[in-house]
Amino acid sequence: MRAVIFVNGELEEQHGVHNVTATADLIIAADGGANHCARLGITPDILIGDLDSIDPVTLATYRKNKVVIERHPVRKDATDLELAVDFALKENVSSLHILAALGGRWDMSLANILLLANSKYKSISITLESHDNSMRILHPGTNVIDGKKGQRVSLLPLQGDAMEVSLIGFEYPLAEQDISFGSTLGVSNVLINTSGTIKHKGGILLAIFQN
């Protein structure tokens, strides 16, 4: 199952948003992410959060139209995004695109990235989209990535060292080489074709694609 989550961060351009949502089986608005949905003319399947950021008119419209609403207390131990991703996990989502989770507050952007690297989500292929880049969380195994010839791709370890990393289809290949946490070894690589293969045997990688 494919799902899309709208978050309450920056969504500067609409390019590609409708393409992502058109193929989704489930659309989730995480609280203020519903404001983006309303602006784009998209009705989510479910609204999740403490509802402190959603426009009151949009909320009233959703209630009138019988959109499923899962309301949580304002004082809670998880962000609205975590609640939304947990819901996706319960629904056995296999592919998840997250929109408007980056930009604006650095604390929230970093928290969102680190949240998605949590091992409880390792069964989900997760992509974060923004107007100038996209990011994928890569767990150990073989990951084939699609992009554009000449596209810049950076790989950053998120959880300790990334072990035995191999890169195929990149200008700077690797063969079972460790990328230590905090190292810049994986920064600014380039796809030599329209796809590449990333293999690693331990740790979690953040792959950042420049749009």
N, C-alpha and C. Protein backbone atom coordinates (compact mmCIF):
# COMPACT_ATOMS: atom_id res chain seq x y z
N MET A 1 0.84 -1.20 0.00
CA MET A 1 0.00 0.00 0.00
C MET A 1 0.88 1.25 0.00
N ARG A 2 0.50 2.23 -0.82
CA ARG A 2 1.23 3.48 -0.92
C ARG A 2 0.46 4.57 -0.17
N ALA A 3 1.18 5.39 0.59
CA ALA A 3 0.53 6.45 1.35
C ALA A 3 1.32 7.75 1.24
N VAL A 4 0.61 8.85 1.46
CA VAL A 4 1.21 10.18 1.48
C VAL A 4 0.78 10.85 2.78
N ILE A 5 1.75 11.51 3.44
CA ILE A 5 1.44 12.30 4.62
C ILE A 5 1.79 13.76 4.34
N PHE A 6 0.84 14.65 4.58
CA PHE A 6 1.09 16.09 4.53
C PHE A 6 1.36 16.59 5.95
N VAL A 7 2.49 17.30 6.12
CA VAL A 7 2.88 17.83 7.42
C VAL A 7 2.75 19.35 7.37
N ASN A 8 2.88 19.99 8.51
CA ASN A 8 2.66 21.44 8.61
C ASN A 8 3.94 22.25 8.42
N GLY A 9 4.84 21.79 7.54
CA GLY A 9 6.05 22.55 7.25
C GLY A 9 5.90 23.32 5.95
N GLU A 10 7.05 23.61 5.33
CA GLU A 10 7.03 24.40 4.10
C GLU A 10 6.70 23.52 2.90
N LEU A 11 5.81 24.01 2.07
CA LEU A 11 5.49 23.36 0.80
C LEU A 11 5.48 24.48 -0.23
N GLU A 12 6.69 24.82 -0.70
CA GLU A 12 6.87 26.03 -1.48
C GLU A 12 6.38 25.91 -2.91
N GLU A 13 6.43 24.73 -3.47
CA GLU A 13 6.00 24.54 -4.85
C GLU A 13 5.06 23.35 -4.93
N GLN A 14 4.19 23.37 -5.91
CA GLN A 14 3.21 22.30 -6.08
C GLN A 14 3.67 21.26 -7.07
N HIS A 15 4.84 21.48 -7.69
CA HIS A 15 5.32 20.57 -8.73
C HIS A 15 5.45 19.13 -8.19
N GLY A 16 4.77 18.24 -8.84
CA GLY A 16 4.89 16.83 -8.49
C GLY A 16 3.97 16.36 -7.39
N VAL A 17 3.34 17.28 -6.65
CA VAL A 17 2.50 16.86 -5.52
C VAL A 17 1.34 16.01 -6.00
N HIS A 18 0.66 16.48 -7.04
CA HIS A 18 -0.51 15.73 -7.52
C HIS A 18 -0.09 14.39 -8.13
N ASN A 19 1.09 14.33 -8.71
CA ASN A 19 1.57 13.04 -9.23
C ASN A 19 1.77 12.04 -8.10
N VAL A 20 2.27 12.52 -6.97
CA VAL A 20 2.49 11.65 -5.81
C VAL A 20 1.16 11.19 -5.22
N THR A 21 0.23 12.14 -5.06
CA THR A 21 -1.05 11.79 -4.43
C THR A 21 -1.94 10.95 -5.35
N ALA A 22 -1.77 11.11 -6.66
CA ALA A 22 -2.63 10.38 -7.61
C ALA A 22 -2.44 8.88 -7.52
N THR A 23 -1.25 8.45 -7.13
CA THR A 23 -0.96 7.01 -7.05
C THR A 23 -1.06 6.48 -5.61
N ALA A 24 -1.51 7.31 -4.69
CA ALA A 24 -1.58 6.90 -3.28
C ALA A 24 -2.88 6.17 -2.97
N ASP A 25 -2.76 5.15 -2.15
CA ASP A 25 -3.95 4.44 -1.66
C ASP A 25 -4.51 5.10 -0.40
N LEU A 26 -3.68 5.91 0.25
CA LEU A 26 -4.07 6.51 1.52
C LEU A 26 -3.40 7.88 1.64
N ILE A 27 -4.19 8.91 1.94
CA ILE A 27 -3.67 10.25 2.15
C ILE A 27 -3.97 10.67 3.58
N ILE A 28 -2.91 11.03 4.30
CA ILE A 28 -3.03 11.40 5.72
C ILE A 28 -2.61 12.85 5.88
N ALA A 29 -3.42 13.63 6.58
CA ALA A 29 -3.05 15.00 6.95
C ALA A 29 -2.66 14.99 8.42
N ALA A 30 -1.42 15.39 8.69
CA ALA A 30 -0.96 15.51 10.08
C ALA A 30 -1.23 16.93 10.55
N ASP A 31 -2.32 17.12 11.23
CA ASP A 31 -2.76 18.41 11.76
C ASP A 31 -2.70 19.51 10.71
N GLY A 32 -1.78 20.49 10.86
CA GLY A 32 -1.72 21.62 9.94
C GLY A 32 -1.39 21.25 8.52
N GLY A 33 -0.96 20.02 8.27
CA GLY A 33 -0.77 19.56 6.91
C GLY A 33 -2.06 19.61 6.12
N ALA A 34 -3.18 19.61 6.84
CA ALA A 34 -4.49 19.72 6.18
C ALA A 34 -4.64 21.06 5.47
N ASN A 35 -3.96 22.09 5.93
CA ASN A 35 -4.03 23.39 5.27
C ASN A 35 -3.44 23.31 3.86
N HIS A 36 -2.35 22.55 3.71
CA HIS A 36 -1.79 22.33 2.37
C HIS A 36 -2.79 21.56 1.51
N CYS A 37 -3.41 20.53 2.09
CA CYS A 37 -4.39 19.75 1.34
C CYS A 37 -5.51 20.65 0.82
N ALA A 38 -6.02 21.50 1.69
CA ALA A 38 -7.13 22.38 1.29
C ALA A 38 -6.70 23.32 0.17
N ARG A 39 -5.50 23.87 0.27
CA ARG A 39 -5.00 24.79 -0.76
C ARG A 39 -4.85 24.10 -2.11
N LEU A 40 -4.51 22.80 -2.08
CA LEU A 40 -4.29 22.05 -3.31
C LEU A 40 -5.54 21.34 -3.81
N GLY A 41 -6.64 21.46 -3.08
CA GLY A 41 -7.87 20.80 -3.48
C GLY A 41 -7.85 19.30 -3.28
N ILE A 42 -7.10 18.85 -2.27
CA ILE A 42 -6.96 17.43 -1.96
C ILE A 42 -7.68 17.13 -0.65
N THR A 43 -8.53 16.13 -0.65
CA THR A 43 -9.22 15.73 0.58
C THR A 43 -8.53 14.49 1.15
N PRO A 44 -7.98 14.58 2.35
CA PRO A 44 -7.30 13.41 2.94
C PRO A 44 -8.31 12.35 3.37
N ASP A 45 -7.80 11.14 3.52
CA ASP A 45 -8.64 10.06 4.04
C ASP A 45 -8.78 10.16 5.55
N ILE A 46 -7.75 10.72 6.20
CA ILE A 46 -7.80 10.84 7.65
C ILE A 46 -6.98 12.05 8.08
N LEU A 47 -7.46 12.72 9.13
CA LEU A 47 -6.76 13.83 9.77
C LEU A 47 -6.33 13.38 11.15
N ILE A 48 -5.03 13.51 11.45
CA ILE A 48 -4.49 13.04 12.71
C ILE A 48 -3.73 14.16 13.40
N GLY A 49 -3.92 14.33 14.70
CA GLY A 49 -3.13 15.30 15.46
C GLY A 49 -3.94 15.95 16.56
N ASP A 50 -3.33 16.98 17.18
CA ASP A 50 -4.04 17.67 18.25
C ASP A 50 -4.92 18.80 17.73
N LEU A 51 -4.86 19.06 16.42
CA LEU A 51 -5.72 20.01 15.72
C LEU A 51 -5.52 21.45 16.19
N ASP A 52 -4.31 21.78 16.61
CA ASP A 52 -4.05 23.15 17.04
C ASP A 52 -3.53 24.02 15.90
N SER A 53 -3.27 23.42 14.73
CA SER A 53 -2.70 24.18 13.61
C SER A 53 -3.60 24.22 12.38
N ILE A 54 -4.61 23.42 12.34
CA ILE A 54 -5.49 23.37 11.18
C ILE A 54 -6.40 24.59 11.14
N ASP A 55 -6.64 25.13 9.96
CA ASP A 55 -7.56 26.24 9.79
C ASP A 55 -8.97 25.80 10.21
N PRO A 56 -9.64 26.60 11.03
CA PRO A 56 -10.97 26.20 11.54
C PRO A 56 -11.99 25.94 10.42
N VAL A 57 -11.92 26.70 9.34
CA VAL A 57 -12.86 26.48 8.23
C VAL A 57 -12.59 25.12 7.57
N THR A 58 -11.31 24.78 7.41
CA THR A 58 -10.97 23.48 6.84
C THR A 58 -11.44 22.35 7.74
N LEU A 59 -11.23 22.52 9.05
CA LEU A 59 -11.68 21.50 10.00
C LEU A 59 -13.19 21.32 9.93
N ALA A 60 -13.92 22.42 9.86
CA ALA A 60 -15.38 22.34 9.78
C ALA A 60 -15.81 21.64 8.49
N THR A 61 -15.12 21.92 7.40
CA THR A 61 -15.43 21.28 6.12
C THR A 61 -15.20 19.78 6.19
N TYR A 62 -14.09 19.38 6.82
CA TYR A 62 -13.80 17.96 6.96
C TYR A 62 -14.88 17.25 7.79
N ARG A 63 -15.28 17.90 8.86
CA ARG A 63 -16.33 17.29 9.69
C ARG A 63 -17.62 17.14 8.90
N LYS A 64 -17.95 18.16 8.12
CA LYS A 64 -19.16 18.11 7.31
C LYS A 64 -19.09 17.00 6.27
N ASN A 65 -17.90 16.81 5.72
CA ASN A 65 -17.72 15.80 4.66
C ASN A 65 -17.36 14.42 5.20
N LYS A 66 -17.43 14.25 6.51
CA LYS A 66 -17.22 12.95 7.15
C LYS A 66 -15.81 12.40 6.97
N VAL A 67 -14.81 13.30 6.89
CA VAL A 67 -13.43 12.85 6.89
C VAL A 67 -13.12 12.25 8.26
N VAL A 68 -12.45 11.12 8.29
CA VAL A 68 -12.08 10.49 9.56
C VAL A 68 -11.11 11.40 10.31
N ILE A 69 -11.40 11.68 11.57
CA ILE A 69 -10.56 12.56 12.38
C ILE A 69 -10.12 11.81 13.63
N GLU A 70 -8.81 11.71 13.83
CA GLU A 70 -8.25 11.08 15.02
C GLU A 70 -7.58 12.18 15.85
N ARG A 71 -8.30 12.65 16.85
CA ARG A 71 -7.81 13.79 17.63
C ARG A 71 -7.04 13.32 18.86
N HIS A 72 -5.90 13.98 19.12
CA HIS A 72 -5.05 13.67 20.26
C HIS A 72 -4.91 14.90 21.15
N PRO A 73 -4.57 14.72 22.42
CA PRO A 73 -4.39 15.86 23.32
C PRO A 73 -3.23 16.75 22.86
N VAL A 74 -3.32 18.04 23.17
CA VAL A 74 -2.22 18.96 22.86
C VAL A 74 -0.97 18.56 23.63
N ARG A 75 -1.14 18.18 24.89
CA ARG A 75 -0.01 17.73 25.72
C ARG A 75 0.17 16.23 25.49
N LYS A 76 1.13 15.90 24.64
CA LYS A 76 1.34 14.49 24.27
C LYS A 76 2.83 14.24 24.11
N ASP A 77 3.19 12.98 24.01
CA ASP A 77 4.61 12.60 23.96
C ASP A 77 5.10 12.30 22.55
N ALA A 78 4.35 12.66 21.53
CA ALA A 78 4.74 12.40 20.15
C ALA A 78 4.27 13.56 19.28
N THR A 79 5.04 13.87 18.24
CA THR A 79 4.61 14.89 17.30
C THR A 79 3.46 14.36 16.44
N ASP A 80 2.79 15.28 15.76
CA ASP A 80 1.70 14.86 14.87
C ASP A 80 2.22 13.95 13.76
N LEU A 81 3.45 14.21 13.29
CA LEU A 81 4.02 13.34 12.25
C LEU A 81 4.23 11.93 12.77
N GLU A 82 4.74 11.80 13.98
CA GLU A 82 4.95 10.45 14.53
C GLU A 82 3.62 9.71 14.64
N LEU A 83 2.58 10.40 15.07
CA LEU A 83 1.26 9.78 15.16
C LEU A 83 0.78 9.32 13.78
N ALA A 84 1.05 10.16 12.77
CA ALA A 84 0.62 9.83 11.41
C ALA A 84 1.39 8.63 10.85
N VAL A 85 2.71 8.59 11.09
CA VAL A 85 3.51 7.47 10.58
C VAL A 85 3.14 6.19 11.33
N ASP A 86 2.87 6.30 12.62
CA ASP A 86 2.42 5.12 13.38
C ASP A 86 1.11 4.57 12.80
N PHE A 87 0.22 5.48 12.39
CA PHE A 87 -1.03 5.05 11.77
C PHE A 87 -0.74 4.32 10.46
N ALA A 88 0.16 4.87 9.65
CA ALA A 88 0.53 4.23 8.39
C ALA A 88 1.10 2.85 8.63
N LEU A 89 1.91 2.71 9.67
CA LEU A 89 2.50 1.42 10.02
C LEU A 89 1.40 0.41 10.36
N LYS A 90 0.40 0.84 11.14
CA LYS A 90 -0.71 -0.04 11.49
C LYS A 90 -1.50 -0.48 10.27
N GLU A 91 -1.54 0.38 9.26
CA GLU A 91 -2.29 0.08 8.04
C GLU A 91 -1.48 -0.73 7.04
N ASN A 92 -0.28 -1.17 7.47
CA ASN A 92 0.60 -1.99 6.62
C ASN A 92 1.02 -1.28 5.34
N VAL A 93 1.25 0.01 5.45
CA VAL A 93 1.77 0.78 4.32
C VAL A 93 3.19 0.31 4.01
N SER A 94 3.49 0.12 2.73
CA SER A 94 4.83 -0.33 2.33
C SER A 94 5.67 0.80 1.74
N SER A 95 5.01 1.82 1.18
CA SER A 95 5.70 2.95 0.56
C SER A 95 5.05 4.24 1.04
N LEU A 96 5.89 5.16 1.56
CA LEU A 96 5.36 6.36 2.19
C LEU A 96 6.11 7.59 1.69
N HIS A 97 5.37 8.55 1.15
CA HIS A 97 5.92 9.86 0.77
C HIS A 97 5.44 10.89 1.78
N ILE A 98 6.38 11.68 2.28
CA ILE A 98 6.04 12.69 3.28
C ILE A 98 6.35 14.07 2.71
N LEU A 99 5.33 14.92 2.70
CA LEU A 99 5.44 16.26 2.13
C LEU A 99 5.39 17.31 3.23
N ALA A 100 6.20 18.37 3.06
CA ALA A 100 6.20 19.54 3.95
C ALA A 100 6.71 19.20 5.35
N ALA A 101 7.65 18.25 5.44
CA ALA A 101 8.25 17.91 6.73
C ALA A 101 9.59 18.60 6.91
N LEU A 102 10.05 19.34 5.90
CA LEU A 102 11.36 19.98 5.94
C LEU A 102 11.22 21.48 5.75
N GLY A 103 12.21 22.23 6.22
CA GLY A 103 12.19 23.68 6.07
C GLY A 103 11.55 24.36 7.26
N GLY A 104 11.89 25.65 7.44
CA GLY A 104 11.34 26.38 8.58
C GLY A 104 12.15 26.11 9.83
N ARG A 105 11.54 25.48 10.81
CA ARG A 105 12.21 25.21 12.09
C ARG A 105 13.21 24.06 11.95
N TRP A 106 14.46 24.35 12.27
CA TRP A 106 15.51 23.32 12.21
C TRP A 106 15.22 22.18 13.18
N ASP A 107 14.70 22.50 14.36
CA ASP A 107 14.46 21.43 15.33
C ASP A 107 13.44 20.44 14.81
N MET A 108 12.39 20.95 14.17
CA MET A 108 11.37 20.05 13.64
C MET A 108 11.87 19.28 12.43
N SER A 109 12.63 19.94 11.54
CA SER A 109 13.16 19.24 10.37
C SER A 109 14.07 18.09 10.78
N LEU A 110 15.01 18.37 11.71
CA LEU A 110 15.92 17.33 12.16
C LEU A 110 15.18 16.23 12.91
N ALA A 111 14.22 16.63 13.75
CA ALA A 111 13.44 15.64 14.49
C ALA A 111 12.68 14.73 13.54
N ASN A 112 12.15 15.31 12.46
CA ASN A 112 11.39 14.51 11.49
C ASN A 112 12.29 13.49 10.79
N ILE A 113 13.50 13.91 10.39
CA ILE A 113 14.42 13.00 9.73
C ILE A 113 14.81 11.86 10.67
N LEU A 114 15.19 12.22 11.91
CA LEU A 114 15.63 11.20 12.86
C LEU A 114 14.48 10.27 13.25
N LEU A 115 13.28 10.82 13.37
CA LEU A 115 12.11 9.99 13.67
C LEU A 115 11.96 8.89 12.63
N LEU A 116 12.08 9.26 11.37
CA LEU A 116 11.82 8.30 10.29
C LEU A 116 12.89 7.23 10.17
N ALA A 117 14.04 7.46 10.83
CA ALA A 117 15.10 6.44 10.88
C ALA A 117 14.87 5.43 12.00
N ASN A 118 13.82 5.62 12.78
CA ASN A 118 13.51 4.68 13.86
C ASN A 118 13.30 3.28 13.28
N SER A 119 13.90 2.29 13.91
CA SER A 119 13.84 0.92 13.39
C SER A 119 12.42 0.37 13.32
N LYS A 120 11.48 0.97 14.07
CA LYS A 120 10.11 0.45 14.01
C LYS A 120 9.48 0.68 12.64
N TYR A 121 10.09 1.57 11.82
CA TYR A 121 9.55 1.85 10.50
C TYR A 121 10.34 1.17 9.37
N LYS A 122 11.20 0.23 9.73
CA LYS A 122 12.09 -0.33 8.72
C LYS A 122 11.36 -1.12 7.63
N SER A 123 10.12 -1.49 7.87
CA SER A 123 9.35 -2.22 6.85
C SER A 123 8.77 -1.28 5.80
N ILE A 124 8.89 0.03 6.01
CA ILE A 124 8.31 1.03 5.09
C ILE A 124 9.42 1.72 4.31
N SER A 125 9.24 1.83 3.00
CA SER A 125 10.13 2.64 2.17
C SER A 125 9.68 4.09 2.30
N ILE A 126 10.51 4.93 2.94
CA ILE A 126 10.11 6.29 3.28
C ILE A 126 10.90 7.31 2.47
N THR A 127 10.17 8.24 1.86
CA THR A 127 10.76 9.34 1.10
C THR A 127 10.20 10.66 1.61
N LEU A 128 11.08 11.61 1.87
CA LEU A 128 10.67 12.97 2.22
C LEU A 128 10.88 13.85 1.01
N GLU A 129 9.86 14.63 0.66
CA GLU A 129 9.93 15.48 -0.53
C GLU A 129 9.92 16.95 -0.13
N SER A 130 10.77 17.74 -0.81
CA SER A 130 10.70 19.20 -0.69
C SER A 130 10.94 19.79 -2.07
N HIS A 131 10.87 21.10 -2.17
CA HIS A 131 10.96 21.73 -3.49
C HIS A 131 12.35 21.62 -4.09
N ASP A 132 13.40 21.50 -3.26
CA ASP A 132 14.76 21.49 -3.81
C ASP A 132 15.51 20.17 -3.60
N ASN A 133 14.94 19.26 -2.83
CA ASN A 133 15.58 17.96 -2.68
C ASN A 133 14.58 16.93 -2.18
N SER A 134 14.98 15.68 -2.29
CA SER A 134 14.20 14.60 -1.67
C SER A 134 15.16 13.72 -0.90
N MET A 135 14.63 13.03 0.09
CA MET A 135 15.45 12.20 0.96
C MET A 135 14.81 10.84 1.12
N ARG A 136 15.67 9.80 1.20
CA ARG A 136 15.18 8.46 1.48
C ARG A 136 15.93 7.87 2.65
N ILE A 137 15.20 7.16 3.50
CA ILE A 137 15.80 6.42 4.60
C ILE A 137 16.14 5.03 4.08
N LEU A 138 17.41 4.65 4.19
CA LEU A 138 17.85 3.36 3.66
C LEU A 138 18.32 2.45 4.79
N HIS A 139 17.60 1.35 4.99
CA HIS A 139 17.99 0.34 5.96
C HIS A 139 18.88 -0.69 5.26
N PRO A 140 19.61 -1.51 6.02
CA PRO A 140 20.52 -2.47 5.40
C PRO A 140 19.85 -3.35 4.35
N GLY A 141 20.59 -3.62 3.29
CA GLY A 141 20.07 -4.40 2.18
C GLY A 141 20.46 -3.76 0.87
N THR A 142 19.72 -4.08 -0.17
CA THR A 142 19.96 -3.53 -1.51
C THR A 142 18.85 -2.56 -1.86
N ASN A 143 19.22 -1.33 -2.17
CA ASN A 143 18.25 -0.30 -2.53
C ASN A 143 18.59 0.23 -3.92
N VAL A 144 17.66 0.08 -4.85
CA VAL A 144 17.82 0.66 -6.18
C VAL A 144 17.10 2.00 -6.19
N ILE A 145 17.83 3.05 -6.56
CA ILE A 145 17.26 4.38 -6.55
C ILE A 145 17.12 4.90 -7.98
N ASP A 146 16.01 5.56 -8.25
CA ASP A 146 15.78 6.16 -9.56
C ASP A 146 15.99 7.66 -9.46
N GLY A 147 16.62 8.22 -10.48
CA GLY A 147 16.87 9.65 -10.50
C GLY A 147 17.14 10.13 -11.91
N LYS A 148 18.03 11.09 -12.03
CA LYS A 148 18.39 11.65 -13.33
C LYS A 148 19.90 11.53 -13.53
N LYS A 149 20.30 11.31 -14.77
CA LYS A 149 21.72 11.28 -15.07
C LYS A 149 22.35 12.61 -14.66
N GLY A 150 23.44 12.54 -13.90
CA GLY A 150 24.10 13.74 -13.43
C GLY A 150 23.54 14.30 -12.13
N GLN A 151 22.54 13.65 -11.56
CA GLN A 151 21.94 14.14 -10.33
C GLN A 151 22.87 13.92 -9.14
N ARG A 152 22.96 14.92 -8.28
CA ARG A 152 23.83 14.82 -7.11
C ARG A 152 23.11 14.06 -6.00
N VAL A 153 23.80 13.11 -5.41
CA VAL A 153 23.26 12.30 -4.33
C VAL A 153 24.29 12.25 -3.21
N SER A 154 23.84 12.52 -1.98
CA SER A 154 24.71 12.42 -0.81
C SER A 154 24.19 11.34 0.13
N LEU A 155 25.10 10.64 0.76
CA LEU A 155 24.75 9.58 1.71
C LEU A 155 25.34 9.90 3.06
N LEU A 156 24.49 9.98 4.06
CA LEU A 156 24.92 10.32 5.42
C LEU A 156 24.47 9.24 6.39
N PRO A 157 25.39 8.68 7.20
CA PRO A 157 24.98 7.72 8.23
C PRO A 157 24.13 8.42 9.29
N LEU A 158 23.05 7.77 9.67
CA LEU A 158 22.15 8.35 10.68
C LEU A 158 22.26 7.67 12.04
N GLN A 159 22.70 6.43 12.05
CA GLN A 159 22.69 5.66 13.30
C GLN A 159 24.00 4.89 13.40
N GLY A 160 25.01 5.55 13.96
CA GLY A 160 26.32 4.92 14.01
C GLY A 160 26.93 4.84 12.62
N ASP A 161 27.86 3.93 12.43
CA ASP A 161 28.53 3.79 11.14
C ASP A 161 27.66 3.00 10.17
N ALA A 162 27.77 3.33 8.88
CA ALA A 162 27.15 2.53 7.83
C ALA A 162 28.19 1.52 7.37
N MET A 163 27.86 0.25 7.46
CA MET A 163 28.86 -0.81 7.28
C MET A 163 28.79 -1.43 5.89
N GLU A 164 29.99 -1.63 5.32
CA GLU A 164 30.17 -2.33 4.05
C GLU A 164 29.25 -1.77 2.96
N VAL A 165 29.44 -0.49 2.68
CA VAL A 165 28.62 0.20 1.68
C VAL A 165 29.21 -0.02 0.29
N SER A 166 28.36 -0.43 -0.65
CA SER A 166 28.75 -0.58 -2.05
C SER A 166 27.85 0.30 -2.91
N LEU A 167 28.45 1.04 -3.82
CA LEU A 167 27.71 1.93 -4.72
C LEU A 167 27.97 1.53 -6.16
N ILE A 168 26.90 1.29 -6.90
CA ILE A 168 26.99 0.91 -8.31
C ILE A 168 26.18 1.92 -9.12
N GLY A 169 26.78 2.43 -10.19
CA GLY A 169 26.08 3.41 -11.02
C GLY A 169 26.33 4.84 -10.58
N PHE A 170 27.39 5.05 -9.80
CA PHE A 170 27.75 6.37 -9.32
C PHE A 170 29.13 6.77 -9.85
N GLU A 171 29.35 8.07 -9.94
CA GLU A 171 30.65 8.56 -10.40
C GLU A 171 31.77 8.13 -9.46
N TYR A 172 31.46 8.07 -8.17
CA TYR A 172 32.44 7.64 -7.18
C TYR A 172 31.93 6.36 -6.52
N PRO A 173 32.28 5.20 -7.08
CA PRO A 173 31.77 3.94 -6.55
C PRO A 173 32.46 3.57 -5.24
N LEU A 174 31.81 2.70 -4.49
CA LEU A 174 32.39 2.12 -3.28
C LEU A 174 32.20 0.62 -3.35
N ALA A 175 33.11 -0.11 -2.72
CA ALA A 175 33.02 -1.57 -2.67
C ALA A 175 33.20 -2.03 -1.23
N GLU A 176 32.07 -2.27 -0.57
CA GLU A 176 32.05 -2.77 0.81
C GLU A 176 32.93 -1.91 1.72
N GLN A 177 32.75 -0.63 1.64
CA GLN A 177 33.52 0.31 2.45
C GLN A 177 32.64 0.92 3.53
N ASP A 178 33.16 1.01 4.74
CA ASP A 178 32.40 1.62 5.83
C ASP A 178 32.39 3.14 5.68
N ILE A 179 31.25 3.74 6.03
CA ILE A 179 31.15 5.19 6.13
C ILE A 179 30.90 5.50 7.59
N SER A 180 31.87 6.06 8.26
CA SER A 180 31.75 6.29 9.70
C SER A 180 30.81 7.46 9.98
N PHE A 181 30.16 7.40 11.11
CA PHE A 181 29.24 8.47 11.52
C PHE A 181 30.00 9.79 11.60
N GLY A 182 29.48 10.82 10.96
CA GLY A 182 30.14 12.12 10.94
C GLY A 182 31.10 12.30 9.79
N SER A 183 31.36 11.24 9.02
CA SER A 183 32.26 11.33 7.87
C SER A 183 31.55 12.04 6.71
N THR A 184 32.35 12.71 5.87
CA THR A 184 31.81 13.34 4.66
C THR A 184 32.07 12.51 3.41
N LEU A 185 32.47 11.26 3.59
CA LEU A 185 32.81 10.40 2.47
C LEU A 185 31.67 10.28 1.47
N GLY A 186 30.45 10.25 1.95
CA GLY A 186 29.31 10.02 1.07
C GLY A 186 28.69 11.28 0.48
N VAL A 187 29.29 12.43 0.73
CA VAL A 187 28.70 13.70 0.28
C VAL A 187 29.02 13.96 -1.19
N SER A 188 28.02 14.46 -1.93
CA SER A 188 28.18 14.95 -3.31
C SER A 188 28.67 13.90 -4.29
N ASN A 189 28.03 12.74 -4.29
CA ASN A 189 28.25 11.77 -5.35
C ASN A 189 27.32 12.13 -6.51
N VAL A 190 27.46 11.43 -7.64
CA VAL A 190 26.69 11.77 -8.84
C VAL A 190 26.25 10.50 -9.54
N LEU A 191 24.97 10.45 -9.93
CA LEU A 191 24.48 9.33 -10.73
C LEU A 191 25.04 9.42 -12.14
N ILE A 192 25.55 8.31 -12.67
CA ILE A 192 26.07 8.34 -14.03
C ILE A 192 25.02 7.89 -15.04
N ASN A 193 23.91 7.34 -14.56
CA ASN A 193 22.77 6.99 -15.41
C ASN A 193 21.50 7.45 -14.70
N THR A 194 20.37 6.87 -15.03
CA THR A 194 19.11 7.28 -14.42
C THR A 194 18.77 6.48 -13.17
N SER A 195 19.64 5.57 -12.79
CA SER A 195 19.41 4.81 -11.56
C SER A 195 20.76 4.36 -11.00
N GLY A 196 20.75 4.00 -9.75
CA GLY A 196 21.95 3.49 -9.10
C GLY A 196 21.56 2.50 -8.02
N THR A 197 22.53 1.74 -7.57
CA THR A 197 22.28 0.73 -6.55
C THR A 197 23.14 1.02 -5.33
N ILE A 198 22.50 1.00 -4.16
CA ILE A 198 23.19 1.22 -2.89
C ILE A 198 22.99 -0.02 -2.04
N LYS A 199 24.09 -0.66 -1.66
CA LYS A 199 24.03 -1.83 -0.79
C LYS A 199 24.80 -1.52 0.49
N HIS A 200 24.26 -1.91 1.62
CA HIS A 200 25.05 -1.85 2.85
C HIS A 200 24.54 -2.88 3.83
N LYS A 201 25.42 -3.28 4.77
CA LYS A 201 25.12 -4.41 5.65
C LYS A 201 24.85 -4.01 7.09
N GLY A 202 24.99 -2.74 7.41
CA GLY A 202 24.73 -2.32 8.78
C GLY A 202 24.57 -0.82 8.87
N GLY A 203 23.81 -0.38 9.86
CA GLY A 203 23.56 1.05 10.04
C GLY A 203 22.42 1.53 9.16
N ILE A 204 22.09 2.81 9.28
CA ILE A 204 21.02 3.43 8.50
C ILE A 204 21.59 4.62 7.76
N LEU A 205 21.26 4.72 6.47
CA LEU A 205 21.73 5.81 5.63
C LEU A 205 20.61 6.75 5.27
N LEU A 206 20.93 8.03 5.21
CA LEU A 206 20.04 9.03 4.65
C LEU A 206 20.57 9.38 3.26
N ALA A 207 19.79 9.11 2.24
CA ALA A 207 20.16 9.47 0.87
C ALA A 207 19.45 10.76 0.50
N ILE A 208 20.22 11.77 0.13
CA ILE A 208 19.68 13.08 -0.20
C ILE A 208 19.90 13.35 -1.69
N PHE A 209 18.82 13.59 -2.41
CA PHE A 209 18.86 13.81 -3.85
C PHE A 209 18.57 15.28 -4.14
N GLN A 210 19.46 15.93 -4.86
CA GLN A 210 19.20 17.31 -5.24
C GLN A 210 18.29 17.33 -6.45
N ASN A 211 17.17 18.03 -6.34
CA ASN A 211 16.19 18.08 -7.44
C ASN A 211 16.68 19.01 -8.55
